[in-house]
């Protein structure tokens, strides 16, 4: 009897051992997925809206239609102290008429080139035709653009300059002063594009209204 119990016990142990080994083999064959969680709160891992990294990300990803290949850059740098003067460099692959808009950190839109007052009075320095191979720098000494003056003023935060290039003569655009509330910086360029598509300008010959083809580029910069 003792011998039978011994054999039964040995059989049970052997069966359990085989089951454990089989389970171990099954686990070894199954793919394992491991997620490493950060040891800091999620909010602390987000990139702040005013960081240079956020600025670089916006400038590399926020784009709209730009068939003329117009480009605008902020000079001398993209991070500027509040109250400092800055300039702009504009280049294009096709000739067109340039409008520059500034969108401050609160979302307010302002035409800064050509000067709207000068343009409406037909002054010489309102000329805004730019051509391929001849980048335009504002301000530019010994040119009609020498008097251009722009100050990066408060509020602090991410602002943007927008270059609108029209294939038809235009010197002033009538856009709303501000985008709708709660617009993220990345949405503002698309908003300007959509508003520009609604604009019409007089034909120089007959005076009838025409819709320009716009090419658009934007550059975000940081006011500190």
Protein backbone atom coordinates (compact mmCIF):
# COMPACT_ATOMS: atom_id res chain seq x y z
CA UNK A 1 0.00 0.00 0.00
CA UNK A 2 2.81 2.32 0.89
CA UNK A 3 4.45 1.51 -2.41
CA UNK A 4 1.27 2.39 -4.32
CA UNK A 5 0.94 5.74 -2.52
CA UNK A 6 4.55 6.48 -3.26
CA UNK A 7 4.03 5.79 -6.95
CA UNK A 8 0.88 7.96 -7.00
CA UNK A 9 2.72 10.81 -5.27
CA UNK A 10 5.61 10.54 -7.68
CA UNK A 11 3.16 10.60 -10.59
CA UNK A 12 1.41 13.71 -9.32
CA UNK A 13 4.72 15.50 -8.77
CA UNK A 14 5.89 14.48 -12.22
CA UNK A 15 2.65 15.73 -13.74
CA UNK A 16 2.92 19.07 -11.97
CA UNK A 17 6.52 19.43 -13.02
CA UNK A 18 5.58 18.76 -16.63
CA UNK A 19 2.75 21.32 -16.41
CA UNK A 20 5.08 23.94 -14.94
CA UNK A 21 7.65 23.28 -17.64
CA UNK A 22 5.00 23.44 -20.35
CA UNK A 23 3.68 26.73 -18.94
CA UNK A 24 7.18 28.13 -18.82
CA UNK A 25 7.73 27.21 -22.47
CA UNK A 26 4.45 28.86 -23.43
CA UNK A 27 5.39 32.06 -21.66
CA UNK A 28 8.79 32.06 -23.30
CA UNK A 29 7.18 31.83 -26.73
CA UNK A 30 4.67 34.68 -26.22
CA UNK A 31 5.86 38.18 -27.23
CA UNK A 32 6.31 40.56 -24.34
CA UNK A 33 5.37 44.23 -24.48
CA UNK A 34 6.82 46.57 -21.87
CA UNK A 35 5.75 50.18 -21.37
CA UNK A 36 8.10 52.34 -19.34
CA UNK A 37 6.18 55.05 -17.54
CA UNK A 38 7.85 58.39 -16.75
CA UNK A 39 8.50 59.09 -13.10
CA UNK A 40 7.34 62.73 -13.46
CA UNK A 41 3.81 64.08 -13.93
CA UNK A 42 2.57 64.20 -17.54
CA UNK A 43 2.15 67.97 -17.45
CA UNK A 44 5.82 68.40 -16.67
CA UNK A 45 6.81 66.52 -19.84
CA UNK A 46 4.91 68.82 -22.20
CA UNK A 47 6.93 71.37 -24.16
CA UNK A 48 5.93 74.88 -23.07
CA UNK A 49 4.40 77.09 -25.78
CA UNK A 50 7.18 79.64 -25.36
CA UNK A 51 10.12 77.25 -25.59
CA UNK A 52 12.65 77.42 -28.48
CA UNK A 53 11.79 73.78 -29.21
CA UNK A 54 8.12 74.68 -29.68
CA UNK A 55 9.14 77.58 -31.94
CA UNK A 56 11.29 75.32 -34.11
CA UNK A 57 8.49 72.75 -34.33
CA UNK A 58 5.95 75.33 -35.49
CA UNK A 59 8.26 76.74 -38.15
CA UNK A 60 9.05 73.32 -39.54
CA UNK A 61 5.51 71.92 -39.63
CA UNK A 62 2.98 74.73 -40.12
CA UNK A 63 2.72 75.32 -43.88
CA UNK A 64 0.02 76.33 -46.38
CA UNK A 65 -0.25 76.70 -50.17
CA UNK A 66 2.76 78.49 -51.62
CA UNK A 67 3.02 78.04 -55.39
CA UNK A 68 5.32 81.07 -55.83
CA UNK A 69 7.75 79.78 -53.22
CA UNK A 70 7.72 82.98 -51.17
CA UNK A 71 9.68 82.81 -47.92
CA UNK A 72 10.02 85.19 -45.00
CA UNK A 73 12.66 85.22 -42.27
CA UNK A 74 13.02 87.31 -39.14
CA UNK A 75 16.38 89.06 -38.75
CA UNK A 76 18.65 89.03 -36.89
CA UNK A 77 17.12 86.16 -34.83
CA UNK A 78 13.86 84.44 -33.91
CA UNK A 79 14.06 85.19 -30.17
CA UNK A 80 13.87 88.90 -29.42
CA UNK A 81 13.47 91.01 -26.28
CA UNK A 82 10.26 93.01 -26.06
CA UNK A 83 10.76 96.54 -27.35
CA UNK A 84 13.57 95.67 -29.77
CA UNK A 85 13.55 96.46 -33.49
CA UNK A 86 13.56 93.57 -35.92
CA UNK A 87 13.70 93.22 -39.69
CA UNK A 88 12.59 90.76 -42.33
CA UNK A 89 14.07 89.08 -45.38
CA UNK A 90 11.72 87.99 -48.14
CA UNK A 91 12.55 85.90 -51.21
CA UNK A 92 10.39 84.41 -53.95
CA UNK A 93 10.62 82.16 -57.01
CA UNK A 94 7.93 84.15 -58.86
CA UNK A 95 7.28 87.88 -59.13
CA UNK A 96 4.42 89.23 -57.05
CA UNK A 97 3.12 91.97 -54.81
CA UNK A 98 4.08 91.58 -51.18
CA UNK A 99 1.98 92.19 -48.08
CA UNK A 100 3.47 91.59 -44.62
CA UNK A 101 1.22 90.96 -41.65
CA UNK A 102 2.25 90.70 -38.02
CA UNK A 103 0.27 88.50 -35.66
CA UNK A 104 1.20 89.30 -32.06
CA UNK A 105 1.11 86.84 -29.16
CA UNK A 106 -2.52 87.77 -28.41
CA UNK A 107 -3.61 87.04 -32.00
CA UNK A 108 -3.96 90.63 -33.22
CA UNK A 109 -3.33 91.04 -36.97
CA UNK A 110 -1.64 94.19 -38.32
CA UNK A 111 -0.43 95.03 -41.82
CA UNK A 112 3.15 96.27 -41.43
CA UNK A 113 4.23 96.42 -45.11
CA UNK A 114 3.50 98.35 -47.20
CA UNK A 115 2.57 101.03 -44.74
CA UNK A 116 -1.23 101.22 -45.19
CA UNK A 117 -1.29 105.01 -44.87
CA UNK A 118 1.45 105.47 -47.47
CA UNK A 119 -0.16 102.96 -49.80
CA UNK A 120 -3.57 104.63 -49.74
CA UNK A 121 -1.94 107.98 -50.58
CA UNK A 122 0.00 106.52 -53.50
CA UNK A 123 3.43 107.38 -52.10
CA UNK A 124 6.54 106.04 -53.78
CA UNK A 125 7.67 103.98 -50.80
CA UNK A 126 4.47 101.94 -51.02
CA UNK A 127 5.91 99.99 -54.00
CA UNK A 128 5.80 96.33 -53.04
CA UNK A 129 6.69 94.36 -56.17
CA UNK A 130 9.27 91.68 -55.43
CA UNK A 131 11.07 89.60 -58.06
CA UNK A 132 12.89 86.26 -58.19
CA UNK A 133 16.61 86.39 -57.48
CA UNK A 134 16.30 89.75 -55.71
CA UNK A 135 15.52 89.12 -52.03
CA UNK A 136 14.01 92.06 -50.22
CA UNK A 137 15.34 93.06 -46.80
CA UNK A 138 13.35 95.39 -44.54
CA UNK A 139 14.62 97.86 -43.52
CA UNK A 140 17.19 98.43 -46.28
CA UNK A 141 19.47 101.46 -46.38
CA UNK A 142 19.57 103.71 -49.46
CA UNK A 143 16.27 102.32 -50.78
CA UNK A 144 12.63 103.34 -50.45
CA UNK A 145 12.47 100.79 -47.62
CA UNK A 146 15.06 102.54 -45.44
CA UNK A 147 12.33 104.08 -43.32
CA UNK A 148 10.69 100.76 -42.46
CA UNK A 149 10.52 100.38 -38.69
CA UNK A 150 9.03 97.53 -36.70
CA UNK A 151 9.25 96.96 -32.95
CA UNK A 152 8.56 93.56 -31.39
CA UNK A 153 6.34 94.77 -28.57
CA UNK A 154 4.38 93.15 -25.76
CA UNK A 155 2.59 90.89 -25.05
CA UNK A 156 5.37 88.37 -24.66
CA UNK A 157 5.00 84.96 -26.27
CA UNK A 158 4.95 83.43 -29.73
CA UNK A 159 4.18 85.89 -32.51
CA UNK A 160 4.26 85.43 -36.29
CA UNK A 161 5.01 87.41 -39.43
CA UNK A 162 3.05 86.36 -42.52
CA UNK A 163 4.14 87.06 -46.10
CA UNK A 164 1.26 87.26 -48.58
CA UNK A 165 2.34 87.36 -52.22
CA UNK A 166 -0.30 88.27 -54.81
CA UNK A 167 -0.01 87.74 -58.55
CA UNK A 168 -2.10 90.91 -59.02
CA UNK A 169 -1.28 94.46 -57.84
CA UNK A 170 -2.44 94.99 -54.27
CA UNK A 171 -1.02 97.15 -51.48
CA UNK A 172 -3.58 96.94 -48.71
CA UNK A 173 -5.57 93.94 -47.48
CA UNK A 174 -8.72 94.21 -45.42
CA UNK A 175 -8.56 91.38 -42.90
CA UNK A 176 -10.15 91.08 -39.46
CA UNK A 177 -7.94 92.48 -36.69
CA UNK A 178 -7.94 89.21 -34.77
CA UNK A 179 -8.56 85.54 -35.46
CA UNK A 180 -11.45 83.83 -33.65
CA UNK A 181 -10.93 83.24 -29.92
CA UNK A 182 -8.97 80.21 -28.73
CA UNK A 183 -6.94 79.92 -31.93
CA UNK A 184 -3.70 78.00 -31.42
CA UNK A 185 -0.59 79.52 -33.05
CA UNK A 186 -0.49 76.70 -35.58
CA UNK A 187 -4.03 77.53 -36.77
CA UNK A 188 -3.39 81.22 -37.41
CA UNK A 189 -1.58 80.78 -40.73
CA UNK A 190 -4.48 78.71 -42.08
CA UNK A 191 -6.90 81.35 -40.84
CA UNK A 192 -5.01 84.09 -42.72
CA UNK A 193 -4.99 81.93 -45.84
CA UNK A 194 -8.75 81.36 -45.65
CA UNK A 195 -9.39 85.07 -45.17
CA UNK A 196 -7.09 86.03 -48.05
CA UNK A 197 -9.01 83.72 -50.37
CA UNK A 198 -12.08 85.91 -49.90
CA UNK A 199 -10.30 89.10 -50.99
CA UNK A 200 -10.74 90.72 -54.39
CA UNK A 201 -8.78 93.59 -55.94
CA UNK A 202 -9.65 96.03 -58.74
CA UNK A 203 -8.37 95.24 -62.22
CA UNK A 204 -5.93 98.03 -63.22
CA UNK A 205 -7.53 98.29 -66.68
CA UNK A 206 -11.26 98.13 -66.21
CA UNK A 207 -11.68 98.45 -62.48
CA UNK A 208 -13.64 95.21 -62.13
CA UNK A 209 -12.81 93.06 -59.15
CA UNK A 210 -10.56 90.03 -59.48
CA UNK A 211 -9.46 87.38 -57.04
CA UNK A 212 -5.66 87.17 -56.72
CA UNK A 213 -3.72 83.96 -56.47
CA UNK A 214 -1.96 84.09 -53.12
CA UNK A 215 1.24 82.40 -52.03
CA UNK A 216 1.76 82.44 -48.28
CA UNK A 217 4.58 81.82 -45.84
CA UNK A 218 4.75 82.44 -42.11
CA UNK A 219 7.55 82.61 -39.58
CA UNK A 220 6.98 82.27 -35.86
CA UNK A 221 9.21 84.22 -33.49
CA UNK A 222 9.42 84.58 -29.74
CA UNK A 223 9.07 87.86 -27.85
CA UNK A 224 10.67 87.54 -24.40
